[in-house]
Protein backbone atom coordinates (compact mmCIF):
# COMPACT_ATOMS: atom_id res chain seq x y z
CA MET A 1 71.60 164.78 237.99
CA THR A 2 73.81 164.90 234.86
CA LYS A 3 72.83 165.76 231.39
CA ALA A 4 73.00 162.03 230.50
CA ASP A 5 70.68 161.24 233.27
CA ILE A 6 68.33 163.78 232.15
CA ILE A 7 68.26 162.39 228.60
CA VAL A 8 67.53 158.93 229.69
CA LYS A 9 64.75 160.28 232.04
CA LEU A 10 63.23 161.99 228.95
CA ARG A 11 63.50 158.88 226.89
CA ASN A 12 62.01 156.47 229.53
CA SER A 13 59.13 158.86 229.89
CA ILE A 14 58.61 158.49 226.17
CA TYR A 15 59.02 162.23 225.82
CA GLU A 16 58.78 163.89 222.29
CA PRO A 17 59.80 167.61 221.99
CA LYS A 18 56.75 169.71 221.07
CA GLY A 19 55.49 173.30 220.91
CA ASP A 20 58.37 175.77 220.77
CA ILE A 21 61.15 173.16 220.82
CA GLU A 22 59.61 170.77 218.33
CA GLY A 23 62.20 168.93 216.46
CA TYR A 24 65.11 169.81 218.76
CA PRO A 25 67.33 166.83 219.71
CA LEU A 26 66.93 165.59 223.21
CA GLU A 27 70.54 166.41 223.74
CA ILE A 28 69.64 170.23 223.43
CA VAL A 29 66.61 169.86 225.67
CA ALA A 30 68.60 168.13 228.28
CA GLU A 31 71.14 171.02 228.19
CA MET A 32 68.30 173.49 228.63
CA ILE A 33 66.82 171.59 231.58
CA TYR A 34 70.26 170.99 233.13
CA ASN A 35 70.73 174.90 233.26
CA GLN A 36 67.08 175.33 234.46
CA VAL A 37 67.77 173.08 237.51
CA LYS A 38 71.19 174.32 238.10
CA GLN A 39 69.85 178.02 238.37
CA GLY A 40 67.52 176.95 241.00
CA ASN A 41 64.26 176.13 239.04
CA PRO A 42 62.27 172.72 239.24
CA PHE A 43 62.73 170.20 236.40
CA GLY A 44 60.29 171.04 233.88
CA VAL A 45 60.20 171.07 230.13
CA ALA A 46 56.73 172.42 229.67
CA VAL A 47 57.93 176.01 230.12
CA PHE A 48 60.37 175.60 227.14
CA GLU A 49 57.50 174.11 224.92
CA ASN A 50 55.63 177.13 225.66
CA ARG A 51 58.64 179.43 225.12
CA ARG A 52 62.07 178.17 224.49
CA GLY A 53 63.76 181.33 225.63
CA THR A 54 62.02 181.26 229.06
CA PRO A 55 64.11 183.18 231.55
CA LYS A 56 65.01 182.20 235.11
CA ASP A 57 62.37 184.22 236.75
CA ASP A 58 59.78 182.48 234.73
CA LEU A 59 61.06 178.98 235.71
CA GLY A 60 63.52 178.86 232.65
CA PHE A 61 67.12 179.76 232.80
CA ASP A 62 69.13 182.98 231.98
CA TRP A 63 71.42 182.64 228.98
CA ASP A 64 74.20 184.98 230.41
CA GLU A 65 74.40 182.77 233.52
CA THR A 66 75.31 179.56 231.71
CA SER A 67 78.94 178.46 231.02
CA GLU A 68 78.21 178.75 227.16
CA GLY A 69 77.18 182.54 227.54
CA LYS A 70 74.37 184.51 225.95
CA ASP A 71 75.64 184.44 222.42
CA PHE A 72 75.64 180.76 222.36
CA TRP A 73 72.16 180.32 223.34
CA GLN A 74 70.99 183.21 221.25
CA LYS A 75 72.18 181.16 218.07
CA VAL A 76 70.94 178.02 219.42
CA LEU A 77 67.37 179.10 220.28
CA SER A 78 66.61 181.77 218.00
CA GLY A 79 67.33 183.22 214.59
CA ASP A 80 68.49 180.64 211.74
CA SER A 81 67.19 177.44 210.70
CA LEU A 82 66.84 174.53 213.01
CA GLY A 83 69.62 172.74 211.33
CA SER A 84 71.94 175.73 211.76
CA LYS A 85 70.97 175.90 215.45
CA ILE A 86 71.76 172.25 215.95
CA ARG A 87 75.20 172.41 214.25
CA HIS A 88 76.12 175.34 216.43
CA PHE A 89 75.16 173.51 219.52
CA TYR A 90 77.27 170.36 218.53
CA GLY A 91 80.14 172.67 217.78
CA THR A 92 80.53 173.32 221.57
CA HIS A 93 79.03 170.06 223.03
CA GLN A 94 80.01 166.62 222.13
CA ARG A 95 77.30 163.99 221.42
CA THR A 96 75.92 162.37 224.56
CA MET A 97 76.05 158.61 224.19
CA ALA A 98 73.42 157.57 226.80
CA VAL A 99 70.75 157.05 224.30
CA TYR A 100 72.83 155.28 221.79
CA GLU A 101 74.28 152.75 224.35
CA TYR A 102 70.51 152.43 225.49
CA SER A 103 69.44 151.62 222.03
CA LEU A 104 72.33 149.34 221.27
CA SER A 105 71.44 147.34 224.44
CA ILE A 106 67.99 146.58 223.30
CA ILE A 107 68.65 145.56 219.65
CA LYS A 108 71.43 143.08 220.49
CA GLY A 109 70.73 139.76 218.72
CA ILE A 110 68.19 141.12 216.31
CA ASP A 111 68.39 140.42 212.60
CA PHE A 112 67.42 143.28 210.38
CA ASP A 113 65.39 142.86 207.17
CA GLY A 114 64.52 144.88 204.15
CA GLU A 115 66.78 147.84 203.19
CA ILE A 116 68.94 147.58 206.46
CA GLU A 117 69.67 143.98 206.11
CA GLY A 118 73.27 143.19 207.08
CA PHE A 119 73.60 146.81 208.64
CA PRO A 120 75.88 146.84 211.88
CA HIS A 121 73.95 146.89 215.14
CA GLU A 122 76.02 149.99 216.07
CA VAL A 123 74.78 151.91 212.90
CA VAL A 124 71.18 150.89 213.44
CA ALA A 125 71.44 151.99 217.24
CA MET A 126 72.85 155.51 216.16
CA MET A 127 69.87 155.74 213.55
CA MET A 128 67.40 154.98 216.43
CA THR A 129 69.15 157.55 218.69
CA GLU A 130 68.49 160.33 215.90
CA GLN A 131 65.08 159.14 215.58
CA TRP A 132 64.50 159.68 219.11
CA ASN A 133 66.60 162.93 219.33
CA GLN A 134 64.52 164.46 216.47
CA GLY A 135 61.28 163.66 218.15
CA ASN A 136 60.33 160.29 216.65
CA GLN A 137 59.87 156.98 218.27
CA PRO A 138 62.66 154.59 217.86
CA ASN A 139 61.39 152.18 214.99
CA ILE A 140 63.73 149.91 213.14
CA GLU A 141 60.75 148.87 210.78
CA VAL A 142 60.85 152.44 209.33
CA PHE A 143 64.36 151.83 208.16
CA GLU A 144 63.72 148.36 207.00
CA LYS A 145 61.15 149.83 204.54
CA GLU A 146 63.28 152.64 203.39
CA LYS A 147 66.82 153.17 204.90
CA ILE A 148 66.77 156.91 203.69
CA THR A 149 63.79 158.04 205.88
CA GLY A 150 63.58 161.68 206.84
CA GLY A 151 62.45 163.01 210.20
CA ASN A 152 59.00 164.08 208.94
CA ASN A 153 58.36 160.46 208.07
CA GLY A 154 59.35 158.85 211.25
CA GLY A 155 63.25 158.69 210.56
CA PHE A 156 65.69 161.48 211.07
CA THR A 157 67.08 164.44 208.88
CA TRP A 158 70.65 163.88 208.39
CA GLY A 159 71.51 167.56 208.35
CA ARG A 160 70.06 167.88 211.84
CA THR A 161 72.73 165.49 213.35
CA PRO A 162 76.12 166.28 215.01
CA GLU A 163 77.83 164.22 212.19
CA GLY A 164 76.02 166.07 209.29
CA GLU A 165 74.57 165.11 206.03
CA GLU A 166 77.78 163.96 204.27
CA PHE A 167 78.49 161.58 207.09
CA TRP A 168 75.18 159.78 206.80
CA THR A 169 75.23 159.72 203.04
CA LYS A 170 78.39 157.67 203.24
CA VAL A 171 77.26 155.32 206.03
CA ILE A 172 73.59 154.78 205.13
CA ASP A 173 73.39 155.48 201.31
CA ASP A 174 76.74 154.11 200.41
CA GLU A 175 76.81 151.55 203.27
CA ASN A 176 80.41 152.65 204.05
CA TRP A 177 80.89 151.17 207.61
CA VAL A 178 84.45 152.26 207.92
CA VAL A 179 83.29 155.99 207.98
CA PHE A 180 81.07 155.01 210.88
CA TYR A 181 83.69 153.09 212.86
CA GLU A 182 86.21 155.78 212.46
CA LYS A 183 84.11 158.01 214.61
CA TYR A 184 82.21 155.28 216.78
CA PRO A 185 84.40 152.26 217.43
CA LYS A 186 82.84 148.86 217.13
CA GLU A 187 81.55 147.55 220.55
CA GLY A 188 84.05 145.09 222.04
CA SER A 189 86.41 145.75 219.27
CA THR A 190 88.86 148.32 220.65
CA LEU A 191 92.46 147.41 220.29
CA THR A 192 94.01 146.64 223.66
CA LEU A 193 96.98 148.76 224.25
CA LYS A 194 99.47 147.78 227.04
CA LYS A 195 102.77 149.42 228.12
CA ASP A 196 105.68 147.34 227.24
CA ILE A 197 103.78 144.76 225.22
CA SER A 198 105.56 142.99 222.52
CA VAL A 199 104.27 142.92 218.94
CA LYS A 200 103.61 139.15 219.43
CA GLU A 201 101.61 139.67 222.59
CA PHE A 202 99.79 142.49 221.15
CA MET A 203 98.55 140.47 218.19
CA LYS A 204 97.48 137.55 220.37
CA VAL A 205 95.62 139.87 222.86
CA ASN A 206 93.88 141.53 219.85
CA LYS A 207 93.36 138.49 217.65
CA THR A 208 89.50 138.82 217.63
CA THR A 209 89.66 142.63 216.83
CA LEU A 210 92.17 141.95 214.00
CA GLN A 211 89.86 139.35 212.47
CA ASP A 212 87.02 141.69 212.73
CA LEU A 213 89.06 144.47 211.10
CA GLU A 214 90.02 142.09 208.24
CA LYS A 215 86.34 141.26 207.82
CA ARG A 216 85.26 144.76 207.69
CA ASN A 217 87.93 146.47 205.66
CA LYS A 218 90.81 144.47 203.83
CA ASP A 219 92.61 147.67 202.96
CA VAL A 220 92.79 149.04 206.44
CA PHE A 221 93.76 145.47 207.79
CA ASP A 222 96.54 145.18 205.28
CA LEU A 223 97.98 148.44 206.43
CA THR A 224 97.79 147.40 210.08
CA VAL A 225 99.74 144.14 209.16
CA THR A 226 102.30 146.15 207.35
CA LEU A 227 102.69 148.56 210.39
CA LEU A 228 103.07 145.57 212.90
CA THR A 229 105.71 144.08 210.57
CA GLN A 230 107.58 147.31 210.76
CA LEU A 231 107.25 147.42 214.55
CA GLN A 232 108.51 143.77 214.62
CA LEU A 233 111.54 145.00 212.63
CA LEU A 234 112.17 147.81 215.12
CA GLU A 235 111.77 145.66 218.14
CA ASP A 236 114.22 142.99 216.74
CA ARG A 237 116.67 145.80 216.08
CA GLN A 238 116.47 146.98 219.49
CA LYS A 239 117.06 143.60 220.90
CA ALA A 240 120.04 142.79 218.66
CA PRO A 241 123.50 143.02 220.17
CA LYS A 242 125.55 146.10 219.41
CA PRO A 243 128.67 145.53 217.28
CA LYS A 244 132.11 145.88 219.04
CA ALA A 245 133.43 149.37 218.74
CA LYS A 246 136.92 148.15 217.45
CA LYS A 247 135.51 146.07 214.58
CA LYS A 248 133.73 147.60 211.63
CA ALA A 249 130.19 146.56 211.55
CA LYS A 250 129.01 144.79 208.25
CA LYS A 251 126.08 146.50 206.75
CA LYS A 252 123.26 144.10 206.41
CA THR A 253 119.53 144.06 206.35
CA THR A 254 117.85 143.37 209.64
CA LYS A 255 114.93 140.77 209.45
CA PRO A 256 112.58 140.04 212.22
CA THR A 257 113.71 137.02 214.41
CA LYS A 258 110.22 135.59 213.60
CA ALA A 259 108.20 137.00 210.77
CA VAL A 260 104.81 138.54 211.54
CA VAL A 261 103.01 135.90 209.41
CA ASP A 262 104.55 133.11 211.43
CA ILE A 263 103.48 134.83 214.65
CA ILE A 264 99.94 134.90 213.42
CA ASP A 265 100.31 131.20 212.49
CA ASP A 266 101.06 130.62 216.06
CA PHE A 267 97.28 131.32 216.87
CA GLY A 268 96.63 127.84 215.71
CA ASP A 269 94.34 128.38 212.73
CA ASP A 270 94.43 129.40 209.16
CA ASP A 271 92.61 132.78 209.66
CA PHE A 272 95.44 134.80 208.34
CA ASP A 273 96.77 132.82 205.41
CA PHE A 274 96.12 136.00 203.26
CA ALA A 275 99.50 137.43 204.79
CA LYS A 276 101.38 134.82 202.81
CA GLY A 277 99.53 135.62 199.46
CA GLY A 278 96.48 133.51 199.99
CA LYS A 279 92.91 134.32 200.33
CA ILE A 280 90.75 134.07 203.30
CA ASP A 281 87.28 132.43 203.51
CA LEU A 282 85.23 134.86 205.75
CA GLN A 283 82.91 131.78 206.29
CA ASP A 284 85.64 130.03 208.36
CA LEU A 285 86.19 132.83 210.62
CA ASP A 286 85.06 132.37 214.18
CA PHE A 287 83.35 135.51 215.49
């Protein structure tokens, strides 16, 4: 059983950390259970609810027999504040995406109201993930009433997440989706990379992704088009015939055989007229 499997099992059983592990994210609880089972004990979270530092002989696990070591678990399960323990845990372990992916799958097609109206589904799915990881039931209505809802009121405490308070301040408070997507790419919008693909082919393959990028962040999209233009110049320069050695080549400016804006026009629509100085009507985009 993997750590992700353990998280999903806990989630499906509607488990909420309590007792001595109250407030602990499921990812930490899953790691504890993983070591418990790995060291020969049966799957059982109750022993940690009674005492989070339960050793192997008492059906828990021994810290010094884990891959992280005794010092790691000493900092995670005892000592400082819960927020400090969680930050230390995520300093070693990456976020498990199982709960996020599950949350995202169950909210597809849902339109959000109130204070999270217009929020991307990926952002709300991660908010739900933290609700659950911090012992609360995933509940969109909590955020619709007040998007900045702490863990004690059914939401989640930003400082107790692997991303930290600064990240969520920008994402939820400022509604800066770019910050979120820099860390967690938009579902189905990863740029397709292919060996030996031309600039023109790349843009055709990634047409939808580029349109989505333009919609989410015009500045980043403009930089992307600038980069593609430079790549087109380099590609044409590599294809251009080399001058004969006996003749002195004339210095001239190399231009793309076909401008990037014209390549975009080959898509057969006007979605990218901005590249020629015009403005784009987002309502006309086909997403």
